[in-house]
Amino acid sequence: SYNQTQQASILAGSNLPSSEICGSTPQNCLNYVTNGRGFTTFASYNLRRSFARVGVSYGFSDQSVTPLTASATAYFTYLDFQGVGGPNSLTGIKTSTITPTYAYNTVNHPITPTHGLRTNLSFGFTGTAIGGNVNMLQPAVDVAYFRRGFFKTNVMGFHLNARFITGYGGRVAPPYSRYYLGGEDDVRGFNLLTISPIAYIPTTATVNVLNNDGTQRYQRSVAADGSVQFRAVQQTIPVYQFILPGGDTAAVFNYEYRIPLIGPVTLAPFTDFGMDRLTLPSQLGLNAERVDQLNALFPQASFGKQAYIQPGSQKIRISTGLELQVLMPVVNAPFRVYWAYNPSIVDLVLQPPVVIDRSFFPNNATYNSAINTLKSLGLGQSYVERRSVFRFSIGRTF
């Protein structure tokens, strides 16, 4: 089970409101449940007279997804990652992946390094050619370098992590495979997994049809047993649903200057840079059958065949601050407390394309009710990331 707000709150150590994670309403969160089974096997070999190791792994999984919110339902159901639209796209997701790897490591200590280079390269290939029904490529690189600082006991650490994911053969990567940033493992000043492009997917919403005075309009009908019933009149309208889809390209750069103070206590000023963007917007392609269905029902909407990306939502995030690390001997990991300031954040008003106007509704009361529905889906709402945070955690960023 994945609950976007719950996961961020647990790892942040406090209850975060959904507005900080998903915008104006919990229905905008990507909450879902996955069920599956599979296996992974791997083999590796140390190269002779070298600090390098090569390896290969193979994994197979069979998954199903159950969306729990309106945003997750629209995203998982109509993203064209299997070439199948509707609920059938959420079951029988078979992923067969082979991943060759290369590792090189001259770091002198796994917990408190003072010098050395660590490099990890991998390239994941997922395809129908080796079984399954998902086509996906995932190259990744992770590099860390440590060297002496300006004084003898000080250490400077540099870390770069870059990842890319794309579908091929006319398919896109599964939605749950995309990248999110934020949290103590990459860009420390931001909430966990909240750095993502903002996008909108075309879908429909139901609004109540009101009388001119704002009261609910009812329709008289006769049931099979002859009794008279009154049903609330409703209208289906075209809308764009707010989503945080994750990026297909993610890159993080971290810098730390570690200053030993006394015994196991270290002070570490840091700066983090993080980028999470959609380099290939076509990878947010929607199922063509679903788009054609919507355009047939609402020709004035002119929905496109890919999600609409919110301008200004893909900027590079920057976080800088101070971290106090205390090495705990029992777990051999540092307990750390840090304060971070974010000089680069996303601060904007959400503006999805507007696909309805006053002429679409019978009166002003119904139109105003529809506008309130659109606001709950993200229209005109402020999306502002926090400028600073104070947190504690266990472990290292790199």
Protein backbone atom coordinates (compact mmCIF):
# COMPACT_ATOMS: atom_id res chain seq x y z
CA SER A 1 0.00 0.00 0.00
CA TYR A 2 1.36 3.42 -0.96
CA ASN A 3 -0.10 6.55 0.64
CA GLN A 4 1.79 9.62 -0.53
CA THR A 5 0.95 11.81 2.47
CA GLN A 6 1.39 9.02 5.02
CA GLN A 7 4.81 8.00 3.72
CA ALA A 8 6.07 11.57 3.74
CA SER A 9 4.75 12.13 7.28
CA ILE A 10 6.33 8.94 8.67
CA LEU A 11 9.78 9.71 7.32
CA ALA A 12 9.53 13.42 8.18
CA GLY A 13 8.71 12.54 11.79
CA SER A 14 5.57 14.71 11.88
CA ASN A 15 2.06 14.79 10.46
CA LEU A 16 2.25 16.74 7.21
CA PRO A 17 -0.97 18.18 5.77
CA SER A 18 -1.97 16.81 2.36
CA SER A 19 -1.80 20.36 0.98
CA GLU A 20 1.99 20.28 1.40
CA ILE A 21 2.25 17.01 -0.52
CA CYS A 22 -0.54 16.92 -3.10
CA GLY A 23 -2.04 20.37 -3.43
CA SER A 24 -5.52 21.36 -2.36
CA THR A 25 -7.22 18.00 -1.66
CA PRO A 26 -6.31 14.44 -0.62
CA GLN A 27 -7.93 13.19 -3.85
CA ASN A 28 -4.94 14.71 -5.68
CA CYS A 29 -2.54 12.30 -3.93
CA LEU A 30 -1.31 9.22 -5.77
CA ASN A 31 -2.50 6.65 -3.23
CA TYR A 32 -2.67 3.06 -4.39
CA VAL A 33 -2.25 -0.59 -3.38
CA THR A 34 -0.11 -3.09 -5.31
CA ASN A 35 -0.22 -6.86 -5.09
CA GLY A 36 2.29 -9.07 -6.81
CA ARG A 37 4.81 -11.83 -6.75
CA GLY A 38 8.17 -12.41 -8.35
CA PHE A 39 11.84 -13.14 -7.83
CA THR A 40 15.31 -11.69 -8.35
CA THR A 41 18.62 -13.46 -8.86
CA PHE A 42 22.08 -12.03 -9.41
CA ALA A 43 25.74 -12.91 -9.91
CA SER A 44 28.90 -10.80 -9.68
CA TYR A 45 32.65 -11.18 -10.22
CA ASN A 46 35.66 -9.26 -8.90
CA LEU A 47 38.05 -8.28 -11.68
CA ARG A 48 41.57 -9.49 -10.96
CA ARG A 49 44.08 -6.94 -9.65
CA SER A 50 41.41 -4.27 -9.64
CA PHE A 51 39.00 -2.44 -7.35
CA ALA A 52 36.23 -3.15 -9.87
CA ARG A 53 33.40 -5.66 -9.89
CA VAL A 54 31.00 -6.58 -12.69
CA GLY A 55 27.65 -8.25 -12.26
CA VAL A 56 24.27 -9.01 -13.71
CA SER A 57 20.83 -9.46 -12.16
CA TYR A 58 17.52 -10.74 -13.45
CA GLY A 59 14.10 -10.12 -11.97
CA PHE A 60 10.54 -11.04 -12.85
CA SER A 61 7.34 -9.78 -11.25
CA ASP A 62 3.59 -10.06 -11.86
CA GLN A 63 1.69 -7.14 -10.31
CA SER A 64 -1.74 -5.57 -10.07
CA VAL A 65 -2.58 -2.04 -8.95
CA THR A 66 -5.66 -0.77 -7.11
CA PRO A 67 -5.92 3.06 -7.12
CA LEU A 68 -7.45 4.67 -4.02
CA THR A 69 -7.88 8.31 -5.11
CA ALA A 70 -9.28 10.17 -8.12
CA SER A 71 -5.79 11.23 -9.16
CA ALA A 72 -4.39 7.70 -8.98
CA THR A 73 -7.42 6.29 -10.83
CA ALA A 74 -7.02 8.70 -13.76
CA TYR A 75 -3.25 8.28 -13.85
CA PHE A 76 -3.00 4.48 -13.65
CA THR A 77 -6.07 3.72 -15.73
CA TYR A 78 -5.38 5.87 -18.77
CA LEU A 79 -1.61 6.15 -19.03
CA ASP A 80 -0.66 4.08 -22.07
CA PHE A 81 2.01 1.86 -20.49
CA GLN A 82 0.55 -1.45 -21.63
CA GLY A 83 -1.25 -0.32 -24.76
CA VAL A 84 -4.50 -1.25 -23.00
CA GLY A 85 -6.99 1.27 -21.68
CA GLY A 86 -9.36 1.15 -18.72
CA PRO A 87 -9.25 -1.12 -15.65
CA ASN A 88 -7.64 -3.97 -17.63
CA SER A 89 -4.39 -1.98 -17.66
CA LEU A 90 -4.10 -2.38 -13.87
CA THR A 91 -3.83 -6.18 -13.73
CA GLY A 92 -1.34 -8.67 -15.10
CA ILE A 93 1.57 -6.20 -15.22
CA LYS A 94 4.44 -8.59 -15.99
CA THR A 95 7.92 -7.11 -15.73
CA SER A 96 10.98 -9.06 -16.88
CA THR A 97 14.23 -7.16 -16.30
CA ILE A 98 17.91 -7.90 -16.85
CA THR A 99 20.43 -5.43 -15.40
CA PRO A 100 24.20 -5.50 -16.04
CA THR A 101 26.22 -3.56 -13.42
CA TYR A 102 29.73 -2.21 -12.94
CA ALA A 103 31.17 -1.06 -9.59
CA TYR A 104 34.51 0.54 -8.72
CA ASN A 105 35.39 1.36 -5.11
CA THR A 106 38.55 2.76 -3.50
CA VAL A 107 36.81 4.37 -0.51
CA ASN A 108 38.85 3.62 2.61
CA HIS A 109 35.98 3.19 5.10
CA PRO A 110 32.29 2.30 4.61
CA ILE A 111 31.01 4.50 7.47
CA THR A 112 33.51 7.33 8.02
CA PRO A 113 35.42 7.67 4.73
CA THR A 114 38.24 10.20 4.36
CA HIS A 115 39.33 9.54 0.79
CA GLY A 116 38.51 7.42 -2.22
CA LEU A 117 36.19 7.07 -5.19
CA ARG A 118 33.03 4.97 -5.46
CA THR A 119 31.32 4.45 -8.82
CA ASN A 120 28.27 2.35 -9.69
CA LEU A 121 26.87 2.01 -13.21
CA SER A 122 23.83 0.01 -14.25
CA PHE A 123 21.52 -0.39 -17.23
CA GLY A 124 18.16 -2.04 -16.73
CA PHE A 125 16.50 -3.58 -19.77
CA THR A 126 12.86 -4.61 -19.49
CA GLY A 127 11.11 -6.01 -22.51
CA THR A 128 8.62 -8.37 -24.04
CA ALA A 129 11.57 -10.03 -25.79
CA ILE A 130 12.61 -11.61 -22.46
CA GLY A 131 9.09 -12.20 -21.17
CA GLY A 132 6.53 -9.86 -19.61
CA ASN A 133 4.48 -7.09 -21.21
CA VAL A 134 6.38 -3.94 -20.15
CA ASN A 135 9.00 -2.25 -22.35
CA MET A 136 11.39 -0.05 -20.35
CA LEU A 137 15.02 1.15 -20.23
CA GLN A 138 16.66 2.38 -16.99
CA PRO A 139 20.29 3.58 -17.12
CA ALA A 140 21.72 4.92 -13.84
CA VAL A 141 25.01 6.24 -12.47
CA ASP A 142 26.08 6.91 -8.87
CA VAL A 143 29.46 8.48 -8.01
CA ALA A 144 30.87 9.53 -4.63
CA TYR A 145 34.29 11.07 -4.04
CA PHE A 146 36.00 11.90 -0.73
CA ARG A 147 39.16 13.89 -0.13
CA ARG A 148 40.95 15.84 2.59
CA GLY A 149 39.49 19.25 3.42
CA PHE A 150 41.21 22.54 4.09
CA PHE A 151 42.47 21.21 7.41
CA LYS A 152 44.03 17.83 8.12
CA THR A 153 41.11 16.25 9.96
CA ASN A 154 38.38 17.67 7.72
CA VAL A 155 36.81 15.76 4.84
CA MET A 156 35.06 17.00 1.71
CA GLY A 157 32.49 14.71 0.13
CA PHE A 158 30.96 14.95 -3.33
CA HIS A 159 28.09 12.82 -4.59
CA LEU A 160 26.30 12.58 -7.93
CA ASN A 161 23.33 10.36 -8.70
CA ALA A 162 21.62 10.40 -12.10
CA ARG A 163 18.82 8.18 -13.42
CA PHE A 164 16.72 8.00 -16.55
CA ILE A 165 13.71 5.88 -17.48
CA THR A 166 11.82 5.52 -20.74
CA GLY A 167 9.51 3.14 -22.47
CA TYR A 168 10.03 2.00 -26.03
CA GLY A 169 8.23 0.13 -28.79
CA GLY A 170 5.22 2.44 -28.55
CA ARG A 171 4.83 2.00 -24.77
CA VAL A 172 5.64 4.14 -21.74
CA ALA A 173 7.14 3.18 -18.38
CA PRO A 174 4.72 2.03 -15.63
CA PRO A 175 3.59 4.99 -13.48
CA TYR A 176 4.99 3.52 -10.24
CA SER A 177 8.50 3.29 -11.78
CA ARG A 178 9.02 7.04 -12.19
CA TYR A 179 11.29 9.11 -9.98
CA TYR A 180 10.49 11.38 -7.05
CA LEU A 181 12.99 13.38 -5.00
CA GLY A 182 13.03 15.04 -1.60
CA GLY A 183 14.01 13.95 1.89
CA GLU A 184 17.16 13.15 3.83
CA ASP A 185 18.52 10.81 1.14
CA ASP A 186 18.87 13.43 -1.59
CA VAL A 187 17.59 17.04 -1.27
CA ARG A 188 17.34 17.43 2.48
CA GLY A 189 15.29 20.61 2.77
CA PHE A 190 12.22 19.20 1.01
CA ASN A 191 9.55 16.77 2.17
CA LEU A 192 10.08 13.15 1.21
CA LEU A 193 9.22 12.29 -2.41
CA THR A 194 7.45 15.61 -3.06
CA ILE A 195 9.78 16.90 -5.79
CA SER A 196 8.03 16.00 -9.01
CA PRO A 197 6.77 17.69 -12.15
CA ILE A 198 3.15 18.78 -11.87
CA ALA A 199 0.86 17.60 -14.65
CA TYR A 200 -2.82 17.26 -15.55
CA ILE A 201 -4.61 14.34 -17.18
CA PRO A 202 -7.89 14.78 -19.09
CA THR A 203 -10.83 13.06 -17.46
CA THR A 204 -14.42 13.78 -16.39
CA ALA A 205 -16.14 14.97 -13.24
CA THR A 206 -19.78 14.97 -12.13
CA VAL A 207 -21.46 18.12 -10.82
CA ASN A 208 -24.95 18.71 -9.47
CA VAL A 209 -27.36 20.66 -11.66
CA LEU A 210 -28.86 23.47 -9.55
CA ASN A 211 -31.89 25.68 -9.84
CA ASN A 212 -31.45 29.40 -10.38
CA ASP A 213 -31.70 29.98 -6.62
CA GLY A 214 -28.86 27.50 -5.93
CA THR A 215 -31.01 24.62 -4.65
CA GLN A 216 -30.61 21.10 -5.98
CA ARG A 217 -32.63 20.29 -9.09
CA TYR A 218 -34.50 16.96 -8.97
CA GLN A 219 -35.96 14.80 -11.70
CA ARG A 220 -39.19 12.85 -11.28
CA SER A 221 -39.06 9.19 -12.32
CA VAL A 222 -41.27 6.11 -11.95
CA ALA A 223 -39.70 2.93 -10.54
CA ALA A 224 -40.47 -0.58 -11.76
CA ASP A 225 -42.97 -1.08 -8.95
CA GLY A 226 -44.88 2.03 -9.99
CA SER A 227 -43.66 4.25 -7.15
CA VAL A 228 -42.62 7.82 -7.88
CA GLN A 229 -39.03 8.76 -7.08
CA PHE A 230 -37.05 11.97 -7.27
CA ARG A 231 -33.38 11.85 -8.25
CA ALA A 232 -30.82 14.62 -8.07
CA VAL A 233 -29.96 15.85 -11.56
CA GLN A 234 -26.27 15.69 -12.38
CA GLN A 235 -24.10 16.69 -15.30
CA THR A 236 -20.79 15.23 -16.53
CA ILE A 237 -18.16 17.78 -17.50
CA PRO A 238 -14.64 17.53 -19.00
CA VAL A 239 -11.82 18.43 -16.61
CA TYR A 240 -8.07 18.11 -16.13
CA GLN A 241 -7.07 16.07 -13.05
CA PHE A 242 -4.04 17.25 -11.02
CA ILE A 243 -1.30 14.61 -10.65
CA LEU A 244 2.30 14.39 -9.45
CA PRO A 245 3.54 11.86 -12.03
CA GLY A 246 7.22 11.75 -11.12
CA GLY A 247 9.99 12.48 -13.60
CA ASP A 248 11.72 10.36 -16.22
CA THR A 249 15.03 12.13 -15.52
CA ALA A 250 16.36 12.63 -11.98
CA ALA A 251 19.74 14.00 -10.94
CA VAL A 252 21.08 14.88 -7.48
CA PHE A 253 24.36 16.51 -6.50
CA ASN A 254 25.39 16.66 -2.81
CA TYR A 255 28.34 18.40 -1.19
CA GLU A 256 29.37 18.02 2.46
CA TYR A 257 32.28 19.46 4.42
CA ARG A 258 32.69 17.21 7.48
CA ILE A 259 34.37 18.75 10.53
CA PRO A 260 35.10 16.39 13.47
CA LEU A 261 34.30 18.17 16.76
CA ILE A 262 34.82 15.75 19.62
CA GLY A 263 34.77 11.95 19.71
CA PRO A 264 31.96 10.64 17.48
CA VAL A 265 30.44 14.11 16.85
CA THR A 266 30.83 15.76 13.43
CA LEU A 267 29.51 19.05 12.05
CA ALA A 268 28.76 18.99 8.32
CA PRO A 269 27.70 22.05 6.31
CA PHE A 270 25.99 20.81 3.13
CA THR A 271 24.50 21.88 -0.16
CA ASP A 272 22.14 19.74 -2.23
CA PHE A 273 20.95 20.23 -5.82
CA GLY A 274 18.07 18.18 -7.20
CA MET A 275 16.41 17.99 -10.61
CA ASP A 276 13.35 15.89 -11.41
CA ARG A 277 11.82 16.56 -14.80
CA LEU A 278 10.03 15.11 -17.79
CA THR A 279 12.67 15.15 -20.50
CA LEU A 280 10.36 13.16 -22.78
CA PRO A 281 6.81 14.56 -22.37
CA SER A 282 5.60 11.93 -24.85
CA GLN A 283 6.26 9.37 -22.09
CA LEU A 284 3.15 10.74 -20.39
CA GLY A 285 1.17 9.56 -23.38
CA LEU A 286 -2.46 8.68 -22.74
CA ASN A 287 -4.41 5.75 -24.08
CA ALA A 288 -5.63 6.81 -27.55
CA GLU A 289 -8.98 5.06 -27.14
CA ARG A 290 -9.70 7.01 -23.95
CA VAL A 291 -8.73 10.36 -25.51
CA ASP A 292 -10.90 9.69 -28.58
CA GLN A 293 -13.80 8.79 -26.29
CA LEU A 294 -13.47 12.05 -24.35
CA ASN A 295 -13.18 14.15 -27.51
CA ALA A 296 -16.28 12.46 -28.95
CA LEU A 297 -18.26 13.37 -25.81
CA PHE A 298 -16.78 16.87 -25.47
CA PRO A 299 -15.51 18.05 -28.89
CA GLN A 300 -15.01 21.59 -27.61
CA ALA A 301 -12.37 20.34 -25.11
CA SER A 302 -9.91 19.20 -27.83
CA PHE A 303 -7.96 16.98 -25.42
CA GLY A 304 -4.45 16.04 -26.56
CA LYS A 305 -2.89 12.58 -26.42
CA GLN A 306 -0.48 13.38 -23.59
CA ALA A 307 -0.67 14.98 -20.17
CA TYR A 308 -0.36 18.75 -19.79
CA ILE A 309 2.71 19.82 -17.78
CA GLN A 310 2.39 22.80 -15.45
CA PRO A 311 4.93 25.49 -16.51
CA GLY A 312 7.45 26.32 -13.78
CA SER A 313 7.06 23.03 -11.90
CA GLN A 314 10.33 21.43 -13.07
CA LYS A 315 12.89 23.91 -11.77
CA ILE A 316 16.08 22.76 -10.02
CA ARG A 317 15.69 22.66 -6.23
CA ILE A 318 18.55 23.80 -3.98
CA SER A 319 18.93 23.14 -0.26
CA THR A 320 21.74 24.23 2.03
CA GLY A 321 22.26 24.04 5.77
CA LEU A 322 24.05 22.50 8.75
CA GLU A 323 24.01 18.89 9.90
CA LEU A 324 25.19 17.55 13.26
CA GLN A 325 26.19 13.87 13.09
CA VAL A 326 26.74 11.56 16.07
CA LEU A 327 28.08 8.09 15.26
CA MET A 328 26.19 5.44 17.25
CA PRO A 329 28.35 2.38 17.95
CA VAL A 330 25.49 -0.13 18.26
CA VAL A 331 24.06 0.41 14.76
CA ASN A 332 27.27 1.77 13.18
CA ALA A 333 25.37 4.66 11.64
CA PRO A 334 25.22 8.36 12.48
CA PHE A 335 22.26 9.92 14.25
CA ARG A 336 21.91 13.32 12.64
CA VAL A 337 20.05 16.54 13.26
CA TYR A 338 19.96 19.11 10.50
CA TRP A 339 18.51 22.46 9.56
CA ALA A 340 18.08 23.24 5.87
CA TYR A 341 17.20 26.40 3.97
CA ASN A 342 15.85 26.17 0.42
CA PRO A 343 16.89 29.10 -1.79
CA SER A 344 15.18 27.55 -4.84
CA ILE A 345 11.58 26.33 -4.48
CA VAL A 346 8.44 26.05 -6.59
CA ASP A 347 5.98 28.83 -5.77
CA LEU A 348 3.17 29.13 -8.28
CA VAL A 349 -0.56 29.14 -8.88
CA LEU A 350 -1.86 25.95 -10.49
CA GLN A 351 -3.43 26.69 -13.85
CA PRO A 352 -4.64 23.67 -15.83
CA PRO A 353 -6.19 24.32 -19.24
CA VAL A 354 -9.83 25.43 -18.97
CA VAL A 355 -12.07 23.31 -21.19
CA ILE A 356 -15.52 24.57 -20.12
CA ASP A 357 -17.26 27.96 -20.10
CA ARG A 358 -20.57 29.45 -19.01
CA SER A 359 -22.40 28.26 -22.15
CA PHE A 360 -21.87 24.64 -21.08
CA PHE A 361 -24.30 25.01 -18.13
CA PRO A 362 -28.02 25.78 -17.79
CA ASN A 363 -27.56 28.65 -15.31
CA ASN A 364 -25.03 30.60 -13.23
CA ALA A 365 -25.64 28.55 -10.08
CA THR A 366 -24.59 25.30 -11.79
CA TYR A 367 -21.64 27.04 -13.42
CA ASN A 368 -20.38 28.35 -10.07
CA SER A 369 -20.74 24.88 -8.55
CA ALA A 370 -18.65 23.46 -11.39
CA ILE A 371 -15.94 26.06 -10.77
CA ASN A 372 -15.73 24.91 -7.13
CA THR A 373 -15.29 21.34 -8.40
CA LEU A 374 -12.46 22.49 -10.64
CA LYS A 375 -10.79 24.21 -7.69
CA SER A 376 -10.76 20.90 -5.80
CA LEU A 377 -8.90 19.42 -8.79
CA GLY A 378 -6.21 22.10 -8.62
CA LEU A 379 -7.51 25.08 -10.62
CA GLY A 380 -6.32 28.40 -9.20
CA GLN A 381 -4.76 26.89 -6.06
CA SER A 382 -1.40 27.99 -4.68
CA TYR A 383 1.41 25.43 -4.66
CA VAL A 384 4.21 26.63 -2.39
CA GLU A 385 7.12 24.55 -1.08
CA ARG A 386 8.61 25.22 2.35
CA ARG A 387 11.61 27.52 2.69
CA SER A 388 13.24 25.72 5.64
CA VAL A 389 13.01 22.57 7.73
CA PHE A 390 14.49 21.15 10.94
CA ARG A 391 14.71 17.36 11.12
CA PHE A 392 16.52 14.38 12.60
CA SER A 393 17.21 10.96 11.09
CA ILE A 394 19.60 8.00 11.13
CA GLY A 395 22.06 7.24 8.34
CA ARG A 396 23.90 9.28 5.73
CA THR A 397 22.85 10.99 2.55
CA PHE A 398 25.91 9.40 0.91
